[in-house]
C-alpha atoms as a PDB file:
ATOM      1  CA  MET A   1       6.258  19.300  11.350  1.00  0.00           C
ATOM      2  CA  THR A   2       8.723  19.922   8.545  1.00  0.00           C
ATOM      3  CA  GLU A   3       7.463  20.328   5.016  1.00  0.00           C
ATOM      4  CA  CYS A   4       7.493  17.247   2.792  1.00  0.00           C
ATOM      5  CA  LYS A   5       9.924  17.549  -0.124  1.00  0.00           C
ATOM      6  CA  ASP A   6       9.133  14.154  -1.676  1.00  0.00           C
ATOM      7  CA  LYS A   7       8.115  14.586  -5.331  1.00  0.00           C
ATOM      8  CA  ASN A   8       6.252  11.236  -5.205  1.00  0.00           C
ATOM      9  CA  CYS A   9       4.056  12.226  -2.242  1.00  0.00           C
ATOM     10  CA  PRO A  10       0.325  12.210  -3.115  1.00  0.00           C
ATOM     11  CA  LYS A  11      -0.371  15.210  -0.832  1.00  0.00           C
ATOM     12  CA  HIS A  12       2.669  17.464  -1.321  1.00  0.00           C
ATOM     13  CA  GLY A  13       4.238  16.162  -4.531  1.00  0.00           C
ATOM     14  CA  ASN A  14       3.147  16.145  -8.149  1.00  0.00           C
ATOM     15  CA  ILE A  15       2.116  12.500  -8.525  1.00  0.00           C
ATOM     16  CA  LYS A  16      -1.432  11.671  -9.573  1.00  0.00           C
ATOM     17  CA  VAL A  17      -3.376   8.731  -8.139  1.00  0.00           C
ATOM     18  CA  ARG A  18      -5.532   6.950 -10.715  1.00  0.00           C
ATOM     19  CA  GLY A  19      -6.969   3.490 -11.046  1.00  0.00           C
ATOM     20  CA  ASN A  20      -7.418   1.064  -8.187  1.00  0.00           C
ATOM     21  CA  VAL A  21      -7.474   1.921  -4.484  1.00  0.00           C
ATOM     22  CA  PHE A  22      -6.832  -0.933  -2.051  1.00  0.00           C
ATOM     23  CA  THR A  23      -6.543  -1.439   1.682  1.00  0.00           C
ATOM     24  CA  GLY A  24      -4.149  -3.857   3.272  1.00  0.00           C
ATOM     25  CA  LYS A  25      -1.826  -4.577   6.174  1.00  0.00           C
ATOM     26  CA  VAL A  26       1.828  -3.533   6.163  1.00  0.00           C
ATOM     27  CA  ILE A  27       3.987  -6.650   6.574  1.00  0.00           C
ATOM     28  CA  SER A  28       7.392  -5.052   5.942  1.00  0.00           C
ATOM     29  CA  ASP A  29       8.808  -1.539   6.159  1.00  0.00           C
ATOM     30  CA  LYS A  30      12.485  -2.388   5.768  1.00  0.00           C
ATOM     31  CA  GLY A  31      12.986  -0.746   2.371  1.00  0.00           C
ATOM     32  CA  ASN A  32      14.010   2.874   1.860  1.00  0.00           C
ATOM     33  CA  LYS A  33      10.664   4.728   1.372  1.00  0.00           C
ATOM     34  CA  THR A  34       9.108   1.354   0.453  1.00  0.00           C
ATOM     35  CA  ILE A  35       6.632  -0.857   2.264  1.00  0.00           C
ATOM     36  CA  THR A  36       5.122  -4.236   1.423  1.00  0.00           C
ATOM     37  CA  ILE A  37       1.359  -4.620   1.838  1.00  0.00           C
ATOM     38  CA  GLU A  38      -0.521  -7.902   2.077  1.00  0.00           C
ATOM     39  CA  ARG A  39      -4.103  -8.225   0.856  1.00  0.00           C
ATOM     40  CA  ILE A  40      -6.244 -11.274   1.616  1.00  0.00           C
ATOM     41  CA  LEU A  41      -8.822 -12.015  -1.066  1.00  0.00           C
ATOM     42  CA  THR A  42     -11.482 -14.712  -1.255  1.00  0.00           C
ATOM     43  CA  LYS A  43     -12.041 -16.521  -4.522  1.00  0.00           C
ATOM     44  CA  LYS A  44     -15.000 -18.800  -5.187  1.00  0.00           C
ATOM     45  CA  ILE A  45     -14.323 -22.247  -6.646  1.00  0.00           C
ATOM     46  CA  PRO A  46     -17.580 -23.159  -8.437  1.00  0.00           C
ATOM     47  CA  LYS A  47     -16.807 -26.876  -8.832  1.00  0.00           C
ATOM     48  CA  TYR A  48     -16.543 -27.469  -5.086  1.00  0.00           C
ATOM     49  CA  GLU A  49     -18.884 -24.632  -4.024  1.00  0.00           C
ATOM     50  CA  ARG A  50     -16.249 -23.400  -1.594  1.00  0.00           C
ATOM     51  CA  TYR A  51     -14.141 -20.296  -1.113  1.00  0.00           C
ATOM     52  CA  LYS A  52     -10.362 -20.082  -1.177  1.00  0.00           C
ATOM     53  CA  LYS A  53      -8.187 -17.459   0.531  1.00  0.00           C
ATOM     54  CA  ILE A  54      -5.573 -15.857  -1.694  1.00  0.00           C
ATOM     55  CA  ARG A  55      -2.745 -13.654  -0.442  1.00  0.00           C
ATOM     56  CA  SER A  56      -1.443 -10.826  -2.589  1.00  0.00           C
ATOM     57  CA  LYS A  57       1.704  -8.802  -1.854  1.00  0.00           C
ATOM     58  CA  ILE A  58       2.092  -5.279  -3.226  1.00  0.00           C
ATOM     59  CA  THR A  59       5.035  -2.918  -2.825  1.00  0.00           C
ATOM     60  CA  ALA A  60       4.177   0.746  -2.401  1.00  0.00           C
ATOM     61  CA  HIS A  61       5.938   4.081  -1.971  1.00  0.00           C
ATOM     62  CA  ASN A  62       5.864   5.341   1.627  1.00  0.00           C
ATOM     63  CA  PRO A  63       6.465   9.124   1.889  1.00  0.00           C
ATOM     64  CA  LYS A  64       8.139  10.483   5.044  1.00  0.00           C
ATOM     65  CA  CYS A  65       5.087  12.620   5.910  1.00  0.00           C
ATOM     66  CA  ILE A  66       2.807   9.539   6.059  1.00  0.00           C
ATOM     67  CA  ASN A  67       5.396   7.108   7.501  1.00  0.00           C
ATOM     68  CA  ALA A  68       3.396   3.863   7.724  1.00  0.00           C
ATOM     69  CA  GLN A  69       4.899   1.285  10.096  1.00  0.00           C
ATOM     70  CA  GLU A  70       4.766  -2.515  10.138  1.00  0.00           C
ATOM     71  CA  GLY A  71       1.380  -3.728  11.410  1.00  0.00           C
ATOM     72  CA  ASN A  72      -0.581  -0.654  10.255  1.00  0.00           C
ATOM     73  CA  LYS A  73      -3.643  -0.900   8.053  1.00  0.00           C
ATOM     74  CA  VAL A  74      -3.173   1.451   5.085  1.00  0.00           C
ATOM     75  CA  LYS A  75      -4.975   2.678   1.978  1.00  0.00           C
ATOM     76  CA  ILE A  76      -2.904   2.612  -1.236  1.00  0.00           C
ATOM     77  CA  GLY A  77      -3.648   4.039  -4.658  1.00  0.00           C
ATOM     78  CA  GLU A  78      -2.410   3.105  -8.111  1.00  0.00           C
ATOM     79  CA  THR A  79      -0.172   5.575  -9.900  1.00  0.00           C
ATOM     80  CA  ARG A  80       2.455   5.674 -12.613  1.00  0.00           C
ATOM     81  CA  ARG A  81       5.451   3.383 -12.262  1.00  0.00           C
ATOM     82  CA  ILE A  82       7.825   4.749  -9.596  1.00  0.00           C
ATOM     83  CA  SER A  83      10.439   1.981  -9.800  1.00  0.00           C
ATOM     84  CA  LYS A  84      10.755  -1.561 -11.135  1.00  0.00           C
ATOM     85  CA  THR A  85       8.356  -3.022  -8.551  1.00  0.00           C
ATOM     86  CA  LYS A  86       6.463   0.033  -7.241  1.00  0.00           C
ATOM     87  CA  SER A  87       3.380   1.410  -8.943  1.00  0.00           C
ATOM     88  CA  PHE A  88       1.337   2.194  -5.810  1.00  0.00           C
ATOM     89  CA  VAL A  89       1.628   4.979  -3.223  1.00  0.00           C
ATOM     90  CA  VAL A  90       0.356   5.135   0.371  1.00  0.00           C
ATOM     91  CA  LEU A  91      -2.566   7.538   0.690  1.00  0.00           C
ATOM     92  CA  GLU A  92      -3.288   7.289   4.413  1.00  0.00           C
ATOM     93  CA  VAL A  93      -2.863   5.163   7.516  1.00  0.00           C
ATOM     94  CA  GLU A  94      -6.304   3.874   8.540  1.00  0.00           C
ATOM     95  CA  SER A  95      -5.468   2.232  11.861  1.00  0.00           C
ATOM     96  CA  ASN A  96      -2.506   1.297  14.023  1.00  0.00           C
ATOM     97  CA  GLU A  97      -2.754  -2.431  14.677  1.00  0.00           C
ATOM     98  CA  SER A  98       0.115  -4.102  16.487  1.00  0.00           C
ATOM     99  CA  ASP A  99       0.234  -7.862  16.817  1.00  0.00           C
END
């Protein structure tokens, strides 16, 4: 395997992961070094004593050495702002799920 030269890679670069760490499913990998992750959260509505599903989309930096694909379950960590919409970076691919 070739050495990773990405300065925003959490393993080989000089970017620090701090703050929240989430897991989610990759729904798009069309961007250049960018993926979109979807998280499904449950929120309680006290008035009706029911739960509501909420979807959250997060864009994250995808280094070439990790290379997460669409359908994978990944762990992402919060970091400094990388671009206008990206402030998360992929830490690892947890499982390869293909629908």
